[in-house]
Amino acid sequence: MAGEPQSDCLFCKIVAGEVPATVVRKTERTLAFRDIAPKAPVHVLVIPHAHYPNAAELAAAEPALAGELLAEAGAVARDEGIEDYRLIFNTGAGAGQTVFHAHVHVLGGRHMTESMV
């Protein structure tokens, strides 16, 4: 069920403390931790504690929580000392999503050479 922890979800296990992660920020409803395969000097994932398979489902079910995710992504960038950064939500396997728990990538610390638009 959406919003409920899933026993087979890596990110739910990280939220529960069952799988270790390098946490950089934590709020009552979000968690930010370093990506284990960084694509930039700063590569942090920001996730909701609640399980939603992707950003679209999160936004439809809990728009305020989706907004908190974006606010936390900005706070991560500030805490990491980066002014220019990229936020990425991959939604669906065809877009590169590999963990089906809504999350935003915060990337920075280098010039982003490739435009995605």
C-alpha atoms as a PDB file:
ATOM      1  CA  MET A   1       0.000   0.000   0.000  1.00  0.00           C
ATOM      2  CA  ALA A   2       1.321   3.457  -0.896  1.00  0.00           C
ATOM      3  CA  GLY A   3       2.672   5.372   2.044  1.00  0.00           C
ATOM      4  CA  GLU A   4       3.384   2.209   4.050  1.00  0.00           C
ATOM      5  CA  PRO A   5       6.886   0.712   4.426  1.00  0.00           C
ATOM      6  CA  GLN A   6       7.634  -2.073   1.970  1.00  0.00           C
ATOM      7  CA  SER A   7       9.705  -5.022   3.202  1.00  0.00           C
ATOM      8  CA  ASP A   8      11.467  -5.412  -0.156  1.00  0.00           C
ATOM      9  CA  CYS A   9      12.381  -1.710  -0.587  1.00  0.00           C
ATOM     10  CA  LEU A  10      16.005  -0.697  -0.044  1.00  0.00           C
ATOM     11  CA  PHE A  11      15.095   2.884   0.879  1.00  0.00           C
ATOM     12  CA  CYS A  12      12.424   1.748   3.365  1.00  0.00           C
ATOM     13  CA  LYS A  13      15.153  -0.378   4.971  1.00  0.00           C
ATOM     14  CA  ILE A  14      17.454   2.662   5.138  1.00  0.00           C
ATOM     15  CA  VAL A  15      14.685   4.731   6.788  1.00  0.00           C
ATOM     16  CA  ALA A  16      14.146   1.908   9.306  1.00  0.00           C
ATOM     17  CA  GLY A  17      17.869   1.736  10.090  1.00  0.00           C
ATOM     18  CA  GLU A  18      18.129  -1.827   8.764  1.00  0.00           C
ATOM     19  CA  VAL A  19      20.588  -0.837   6.015  1.00  0.00           C
ATOM     20  CA  PRO A  20      23.394   1.644   6.742  1.00  0.00           C
ATOM     21  CA  ALA A  21      23.675   4.949   4.913  1.00  0.00           C
ATOM     22  CA  THR A  22      25.712   8.116   5.307  1.00  0.00           C
ATOM     23  CA  VAL A  23      22.944  10.431   6.484  1.00  0.00           C
ATOM     24  CA  VAL A  24      23.451  14.170   5.959  1.00  0.00           C
ATOM     25  CA  ARG A  25      20.003  15.457   7.019  1.00  0.00           C
ATOM     26  CA  LYS A  26      16.960  14.001   8.701  1.00  0.00           C
ATOM     27  CA  THR A  27      13.568  15.494   9.452  1.00  0.00           C
ATOM     28  CA  GLU A  28      10.378  14.011  10.822  1.00  0.00           C
ATOM     29  CA  ARG A  29       9.282  13.094   7.268  1.00  0.00           C
ATOM     30  CA  THR A  30      12.431  13.067   5.097  1.00  0.00           C
ATOM     31  CA  LEU A  31      15.904  11.577   5.023  1.00  0.00           C
ATOM     32  CA  ALA A  32      18.936  12.704   3.003  1.00  0.00           C
ATOM     33  CA  PHE A  33      21.958  10.467   2.495  1.00  0.00           C
ATOM     34  CA  ARG A  34      24.967  10.191   0.197  1.00  0.00           C
ATOM     35  CA  ASP A  35      24.593   8.144  -2.980  1.00  0.00           C
ATOM     36  CA  ILE A  36      26.792   5.023  -2.958  1.00  0.00           C
ATOM     37  CA  ALA A  37      27.713   5.551  -6.634  1.00  0.00           C
ATOM     38  CA  PRO A  38      28.098   9.356  -6.885  1.00  0.00           C
ATOM     39  CA  LYS A  39      27.909  11.061 -10.267  1.00  0.00           C
ATOM     40  CA  ALA A  40      29.274  14.363  -8.912  1.00  0.00           C
ATOM     41  CA  PRO A  41      31.359  15.526  -5.929  1.00  0.00           C
ATOM     42  CA  VAL A  42      28.069  16.134  -4.124  1.00  0.00           C
ATOM     43  CA  HIS A  43      25.466  13.458  -4.813  1.00  0.00           C
ATOM     44  CA  VAL A  44      22.830  13.156  -2.125  1.00  0.00           C
ATOM     45  CA  LEU A  45      19.457  11.424  -2.275  1.00  0.00           C
ATOM     46  CA  VAL A  46      16.493  12.959  -0.460  1.00  0.00           C
ATOM     47  CA  ILE A  47      13.624  10.558   0.239  1.00  0.00           C
ATOM     48  CA  PRO A  48      10.343  10.656   2.109  1.00  0.00           C
ATOM     49  CA  HIS A  49      10.056   8.262   5.049  1.00  0.00           C
ATOM     50  CA  ALA A  50       6.718   7.165   3.546  1.00  0.00           C
ATOM     51  CA  HIS A  51       6.928   4.763   0.622  1.00  0.00           C
ATOM     52  CA  TYR A  52       5.650   5.969  -2.735  1.00  0.00           C
ATOM     53  CA  PRO A  53       6.952   4.232  -5.873  1.00  0.00           C
ATOM     54  CA  ASN A  54       7.884   7.455  -7.671  1.00  0.00           C
ATOM     55  CA  ALA A  55       7.699  11.243  -7.578  1.00  0.00           C
ATOM     56  CA  ALA A  56       4.445  11.411  -9.527  1.00  0.00           C
ATOM     57  CA  GLU A  57       2.632   9.135  -7.080  1.00  0.00           C
ATOM     58  CA  LEU A  58       4.085  11.029  -4.125  1.00  0.00           C
ATOM     59  CA  ALA A  59       2.975  14.379  -5.551  1.00  0.00           C
ATOM     60  CA  ALA A  60      -0.537  13.086  -6.261  1.00  0.00           C
ATOM     61  CA  ALA A  61      -0.986  11.537  -2.812  1.00  0.00           C
ATOM     62  CA  GLU A  62       0.881  14.022  -0.602  1.00  0.00           C
ATOM     63  CA  PRO A  63       1.745  17.276  -2.383  1.00  0.00           C
ATOM     64  CA  ALA A  64       2.937  18.897   0.860  1.00  0.00           C
ATOM     65  CA  LEU A  65       5.428  16.066   1.393  1.00  0.00           C
ATOM     66  CA  ALA A  66       6.631  16.428  -2.209  1.00  0.00           C
ATOM     67  CA  GLY A  67       7.228  20.107  -1.432  1.00  0.00           C
ATOM     68  CA  GLU A  68       9.159  19.148   1.716  1.00  0.00           C
ATOM     69  CA  LEU A  69      11.390  16.929  -0.417  1.00  0.00           C
ATOM     70  CA  LEU A  70      12.240  19.896  -2.637  1.00  0.00           C
ATOM     71  CA  ALA A  71      12.834  22.171   0.362  1.00  0.00           C
ATOM     72  CA  GLU A  72      15.150  19.563   1.895  1.00  0.00           C
ATOM     73  CA  ALA A  73      17.022  19.218  -1.402  1.00  0.00           C
ATOM     74  CA  GLY A  74      17.692  22.959  -1.271  1.00  0.00           C
ATOM     75  CA  ALA A  75      18.794  22.665   2.358  1.00  0.00           C
ATOM     76  CA  VAL A  76      21.204  19.862   1.430  1.00  0.00           C
ATOM     77  CA  ALA A  77      22.739  22.047  -1.289  1.00  0.00           C
ATOM     78  CA  ARG A  78      23.120  24.917   1.185  1.00  0.00           C
ATOM     79  CA  ASP A  79      24.644  22.631   3.834  1.00  0.00           C
ATOM     80  CA  GLU A  80      27.053  21.188   1.257  1.00  0.00           C
ATOM     81  CA  GLY A  81      28.106  24.700   0.207  1.00  0.00           C
ATOM     82  CA  ILE A  82      26.965  24.469  -3.395  1.00  0.00           C
ATOM     83  CA  GLU A  83      25.135  27.331  -5.095  1.00  0.00           C
ATOM     84  CA  ASP A  84      24.696  25.707  -8.497  1.00  0.00           C
ATOM     85  CA  TYR A  85      23.173  22.258  -8.448  1.00  0.00           C
ATOM     86  CA  ARG A  86      20.913  19.897 -10.315  1.00  0.00           C
ATOM     87  CA  LEU A  87      17.824  18.150  -8.928  1.00  0.00           C
ATOM     88  CA  ILE A  88      16.720  14.961 -10.665  1.00  0.00           C
ATOM     89  CA  PHE A  89      13.620  12.828 -10.161  1.00  0.00           C
ATOM     90  CA  ASN A  90      13.737   9.651 -12.265  1.00  0.00           C
ATOM     91  CA  THR A  91      10.245   8.204 -12.658  1.00  0.00           C
ATOM     92  CA  GLY A  92      10.088   4.731 -14.172  1.00  0.00           C
ATOM     93  CA  ALA A  93      12.717   2.247 -15.301  1.00  0.00           C
ATOM     94  CA  GLY A  94      12.894   3.841 -18.759  1.00  0.00           C
ATOM     95  CA  ALA A  95      13.968   7.105 -17.124  1.00  0.00           C
ATOM     96  CA  GLY A  96      16.682   5.402 -15.082  1.00  0.00           C
ATOM     97  CA  GLN A  97      14.829   4.787 -11.820  1.00  0.00           C
ATOM     98  CA  THR A  98      16.352   1.720 -10.126  1.00  0.00           C
ATOM     99  CA  VAL A  99      14.909   1.995  -6.609  1.00  0.00           C
ATOM    100  CA  PHE A 100      11.138   2.354  -6.729  1.00  0.00           C
ATOM    101  CA  HIS A 101      10.765   4.641  -3.713  1.00  0.00           C
ATOM    102  CA  ALA A 102      10.330   8.326  -4.561  1.00  0.00           C
ATOM    103  CA  HIS A 103      13.607  10.234  -4.278  1.00  0.00           C
ATOM    104  CA  VAL A 104      15.360  13.294  -5.627  1.00  0.00           C
ATOM    105  CA  HIS A 105      19.039  13.377  -6.518  1.00  0.00           C
ATOM    106  CA  VAL A 106      20.944  16.517  -5.484  1.00  0.00           C
ATOM    107  CA  LEU A 107      24.021  16.830  -7.709  1.00  0.00           C
ATOM    108  CA  GLY A 108      26.652  19.553  -7.537  1.00  0.00           C
ATOM    109  CA  GLY A 109      30.220  20.493  -6.859  1.00  0.00           C
ATOM    110  CA  ARG A 110      31.211  20.496 -10.528  1.00  0.00           C
ATOM    111  CA  HIS A 111      30.055  22.092 -13.757  1.00  0.00           C
ATOM    112  CA  MET A 112      27.146  20.154 -15.177  1.00  0.00           C
ATOM    113  CA  THR A 113      28.272  19.862 -18.772  1.00  0.00           C
ATOM    114  CA  GLU A 114      25.261  18.120 -20.253  1.00  0.00           C
ATOM    115  CA  SER A 115      21.912  19.836 -20.440  1.00  0.00           C
ATOM    116  CA  MET A 116      18.969  17.521 -19.960  1.00  0.00           C
ATOM    117  CA  VAL A 117      16.525  19.782 -21.790  1.00  0.00           C
END
